[in-house]
Amino acid sequence: MAERIEEFVIEHGDVWLKSAQAPLIGNGLKHVCGANDLLAIAYVGDLLLKVGSTESVEAHSAKLRQQCEMFDMGELQVVSFPVTPETVSELNLCRSYSGRVAHLVERLTEIGKQYPERSTSAVIPD
């Protein structure tokens, strides 16, 4: 596994991007989304392109779609999912392991079956 410079963590219910290096000022946390918001990943095949809050990923999706078409990379997929310890862990694993994102929907479905009370259904636009 490649060394991560930063990772997503849940603190006080919200999702934060945590720097691996101790900052000189502050706590090294950057707010990503609230506990009741959705996280998202944009990818093509097994290539991860963007991760973060659904709002930030959607904001970049039009530009990403253009680039995918320009370079004939395939269809951009954007998957949104709720904040749970398991989905945040999967998000970090997708960032760490090349190709893992290609099986994201399957993994989110497994998480949803394992923890149905946490409402972990993936949101996949048509």
C-alpha atoms as a PDB file:
ATOM      1  CA  MET A   1       0.000   0.000   0.000  1.00  0.00           C
ATOM      2  CA  ALA A   2       1.256   3.453  -0.873  1.00  0.00           C
ATOM      3  CA  GLU A   3       1.807   5.827   2.003  1.00  0.00           C
ATOM      4  CA  ARG A   4      -1.151   8.183   2.287  1.00  0.00           C
ATOM      5  CA  ILE A   5      -0.484  11.828   2.896  1.00  0.00           C
ATOM      6  CA  GLU A   6      -4.005  12.298   4.196  1.00  0.00           C
ATOM      7  CA  GLU A   7      -7.079  10.200   4.904  1.00  0.00           C
ATOM      8  CA  PHE A   8     -10.773  10.641   5.516  1.00  0.00           C
ATOM      9  CA  VAL A   9     -11.874  10.295   9.150  1.00  0.00           C
ATOM     10  CA  ILE A  10     -15.113  10.673  11.084  1.00  0.00           C
ATOM     11  CA  GLU A  11     -14.862  13.113  13.980  1.00  0.00           C
ATOM     12  CA  HIS A  12     -17.950  14.248  15.923  1.00  0.00           C
ATOM     13  CA  GLY A  13     -20.119  12.613  13.237  1.00  0.00           C
ATOM     14  CA  ASP A  14     -18.782  14.670  10.329  1.00  0.00           C
ATOM     15  CA  VAL A  15     -16.238  13.570   7.721  1.00  0.00           C
ATOM     16  CA  TRP A  16     -12.880  15.323   7.686  1.00  0.00           C
ATOM     17  CA  LEU A  17      -9.752  15.028   5.585  1.00  0.00           C
ATOM     18  CA  LYS A  18      -6.916  14.519   8.047  1.00  0.00           C
ATOM     19  CA  SER A  19      -3.338  15.416   7.204  1.00  0.00           C
ATOM     20  CA  ALA A  20      -0.772  12.736   8.084  1.00  0.00           C
ATOM     21  CA  GLN A  21       1.729  15.437   9.020  1.00  0.00           C
ATOM     22  CA  ALA A  22       1.193  17.527  12.130  1.00  0.00           C
ATOM     23  CA  PRO A  23       0.492  21.109  11.049  1.00  0.00           C
ATOM     24  CA  LEU A  24       2.228  24.069  12.621  1.00  0.00           C
ATOM     25  CA  ILE A  25      -1.120  25.764  13.157  1.00  0.00           C
ATOM     26  CA  GLY A  26      -4.503  24.088  13.586  1.00  0.00           C
ATOM     27  CA  ASN A  27      -5.494  20.460  13.916  1.00  0.00           C
ATOM     28  CA  GLY A  28      -4.795  19.248  10.367  1.00  0.00           C
ATOM     29  CA  LEU A  29      -8.474  18.594   9.674  1.00  0.00           C
ATOM     30  CA  LYS A  30     -10.390  19.916   6.653  1.00  0.00           C
ATOM     31  CA  HIS A  31     -14.181  19.553   6.766  1.00  0.00           C
ATOM     32  CA  VAL A  32     -15.585  17.421   3.932  1.00  0.00           C
ATOM     33  CA  CYS A  33     -19.247  16.890   4.796  1.00  0.00           C
ATOM     34  CA  GLY A  34     -21.720  16.525   7.629  1.00  0.00           C
ATOM     35  CA  ALA A  35     -22.928  13.253   9.117  1.00  0.00           C
ATOM     36  CA  ASN A  36     -26.221  13.448   7.196  1.00  0.00           C
ATOM     37  CA  ASP A  37     -24.632  14.423   3.874  1.00  0.00           C
ATOM     38  CA  LEU A  38     -23.360  12.077   1.185  1.00  0.00           C
ATOM     39  CA  LEU A  39     -19.838  11.235   0.088  1.00  0.00           C
ATOM     40  CA  ALA A  40     -19.058  10.536  -3.576  1.00  0.00           C
ATOM     41  CA  ILE A  41     -16.451   9.020  -5.853  1.00  0.00           C
ATOM     42  CA  ALA A  42     -16.043   9.755  -9.568  1.00  0.00           C
ATOM     43  CA  TYR A  43     -14.229   7.118 -11.607  1.00  0.00           C
ATOM     44  CA  VAL A  44     -13.823   5.534 -15.021  1.00  0.00           C
ATOM     45  CA  GLY A  45     -13.280   1.774 -15.049  1.00  0.00           C
ATOM     46  CA  ASP A  46     -10.603   1.243 -12.409  1.00  0.00           C
ATOM     47  CA  LEU A  47      -9.285   4.830 -12.460  1.00  0.00           C
ATOM     48  CA  LEU A  48     -10.246   7.011  -9.493  1.00  0.00           C
ATOM     49  CA  LEU A  49     -10.680  10.656 -10.533  1.00  0.00           C
ATOM     50  CA  LYS A  50     -12.311  12.568  -7.662  1.00  0.00           C
ATOM     51  CA  VAL A  51     -13.435  11.891  -4.095  1.00  0.00           C
ATOM     52  CA  GLY A  52     -15.135  14.023  -1.459  1.00  0.00           C
ATOM     53  CA  SER A  53     -18.559  15.383  -0.668  1.00  0.00           C
ATOM     54  CA  THR A  54     -21.240  14.810  -3.283  1.00  0.00           C
ATOM     55  CA  GLU A  55     -21.371  18.559  -3.861  1.00  0.00           C
ATOM     56  CA  SER A  56     -17.651  18.843  -4.622  1.00  0.00           C
ATOM     57  CA  VAL A  57     -17.602  15.767  -6.863  1.00  0.00           C
ATOM     58  CA  GLU A  58     -20.715  16.892  -8.761  1.00  0.00           C
ATOM     59  CA  ALA A  59     -19.204  20.360  -9.195  1.00  0.00           C
ATOM     60  CA  HIS A  60     -16.256  18.785 -11.037  1.00  0.00           C
ATOM     61  CA  SER A  61     -18.186  16.088 -12.901  1.00  0.00           C
ATOM     62  CA  ALA A  62     -18.963  18.163 -16.029  1.00  0.00           C
ATOM     63  CA  LYS A  63     -15.265  18.960 -16.523  1.00  0.00           C
ATOM     64  CA  LEU A  64     -14.318  15.341 -15.783  1.00  0.00           C
ATOM     65  CA  ARG A  65     -16.882  14.081 -18.334  1.00  0.00           C
ATOM     66  CA  GLN A  66     -15.404  16.384 -20.986  1.00  0.00           C
ATOM     67  CA  GLN A  67     -11.906  15.104 -20.277  1.00  0.00           C
ATOM     68  CA  CYS A  68     -13.069  11.486 -20.364  1.00  0.00           C
ATOM     69  CA  GLU A  69     -14.692  12.061 -23.762  1.00  0.00           C
ATOM     70  CA  MET A  70     -11.707  13.989 -25.107  1.00  0.00           C
ATOM     71  CA  PHE A  71      -9.290  11.193 -24.198  1.00  0.00           C
ATOM     72  CA  ASP A  72     -11.765   8.377 -25.023  1.00  0.00           C
ATOM     73  CA  MET A  73     -11.421   6.990 -21.492  1.00  0.00           C
ATOM     74  CA  GLY A  74     -14.922   5.590 -21.155  1.00  0.00           C
ATOM     75  CA  GLU A  75     -17.999   6.678 -19.248  1.00  0.00           C
ATOM     76  CA  LEU A  76     -17.567   8.613 -16.018  1.00  0.00           C
ATOM     77  CA  GLN A  77     -19.345   7.016 -13.052  1.00  0.00           C
ATOM     78  CA  VAL A  78     -20.314   9.043  -9.990  1.00  0.00           C
ATOM     79  CA  VAL A  79     -21.453   7.085  -6.948  1.00  0.00           C
ATOM     80  CA  SER A  80     -22.770   8.786  -3.814  1.00  0.00           C
ATOM     81  CA  PHE A  81     -23.146   7.044  -0.475  1.00  0.00           C
ATOM     82  CA  PRO A  82     -23.931   7.863   3.155  1.00  0.00           C
ATOM     83  CA  VAL A  83     -21.395   8.493   5.877  1.00  0.00           C
ATOM     84  CA  THR A  84     -20.671   5.417   8.006  1.00  0.00           C
ATOM     85  CA  PRO A  85     -17.409   4.071   9.416  1.00  0.00           C
ATOM     86  CA  GLU A  86     -17.498   1.307   6.782  1.00  0.00           C
ATOM     87  CA  THR A  87     -18.077   3.590   3.793  1.00  0.00           C
ATOM     88  CA  VAL A  88     -15.370   6.009   4.933  1.00  0.00           C
ATOM     89  CA  SER A  89     -12.996   3.061   5.296  1.00  0.00           C
ATOM     90  CA  GLU A  90     -13.878   1.913   1.770  1.00  0.00           C
ATOM     91  CA  LEU A  91     -13.292   5.445   0.483  1.00  0.00           C
ATOM     92  CA  ASN A  92      -9.792   5.413   1.992  1.00  0.00           C
ATOM     93  CA  LEU A  93      -9.097   1.949   0.577  1.00  0.00           C
ATOM     94  CA  CYS A  94     -10.133   3.081  -2.907  1.00  0.00           C
ATOM     95  CA  ARG A  95      -7.632   5.937  -2.631  1.00  0.00           C
ATOM     96  CA  SER A  96      -4.886   3.564  -1.462  1.00  0.00           C
ATOM     97  CA  TYR A  97      -5.266   0.618  -3.826  1.00  0.00           C
ATOM     98  CA  SER A  98      -5.182   1.111  -7.571  1.00  0.00           C
ATOM     99  CA  GLY A  99      -8.130  -0.571  -9.244  1.00  0.00           C
ATOM    100  CA  ARG A 100     -10.233  -1.117  -6.116  1.00  0.00           C
ATOM    101  CA  VAL A 101     -12.730   1.545  -7.209  1.00  0.00           C
ATOM    102  CA  ALA A 102     -13.857  -0.705 -10.091  1.00  0.00           C
ATOM    103  CA  HIS A 103     -15.645  -2.858  -7.494  1.00  0.00           C
ATOM    104  CA  LEU A 104     -16.978   0.009  -5.374  1.00  0.00           C
ATOM    105  CA  VAL A 105     -20.680  -0.585  -6.036  1.00  0.00           C
ATOM    106  CA  GLU A 106     -20.317  -4.267  -5.099  1.00  0.00           C
ATOM    107  CA  ARG A 107     -18.532  -3.358  -1.865  1.00  0.00           C
ATOM    108  CA  LEU A 108     -21.120  -0.719  -0.950  1.00  0.00           C
ATOM    109  CA  THR A 109     -23.865  -3.277  -1.608  1.00  0.00           C
ATOM    110  CA  GLU A 110     -22.094  -5.739   0.713  1.00  0.00           C
ATOM    111  CA  ILE A 111     -21.802  -3.051   3.393  1.00  0.00           C
ATOM    112  CA  GLY A 112     -25.523  -2.294   2.995  1.00  0.00           C
ATOM    113  CA  LYS A 113     -26.407  -5.961   3.467  1.00  0.00           C
ATOM    114  CA  GLN A 114     -24.112  -6.299   6.473  1.00  0.00           C
ATOM    115  CA  TYR A 115     -25.387  -3.099   8.148  1.00  0.00           C
ATOM    116  CA  PRO A 116     -28.937  -2.484   6.825  1.00  0.00           C
ATOM    117  CA  GLU A 117     -29.770  -0.235   9.778  1.00  0.00           C
ATOM    118  CA  ARG A 118     -27.169   2.275   8.597  1.00  0.00           C
ATOM    119  CA  SER A 119     -28.871   2.917   5.250  1.00  0.00           C
ATOM    120  CA  THR A 120     -25.748   2.458   3.137  1.00  0.00           C
ATOM    121  CA  SER A 121     -27.410   2.210  -0.267  1.00  0.00           C
ATOM    122  CA  ALA A 122     -25.280   3.595  -3.049  1.00  0.00           C
ATOM    123  CA  VAL A 123     -26.818   6.324  -5.203  1.00  0.00           C
ATOM    124  CA  ILE A 124     -25.929   5.697  -8.825  1.00  0.00           C
ATOM    125  CA  PRO A 125     -27.307   8.209 -11.345  1.00  0.00           C
ATOM    126  CA  ASP A 126     -28.747   6.835 -14.614  1.00  0.00           C
END
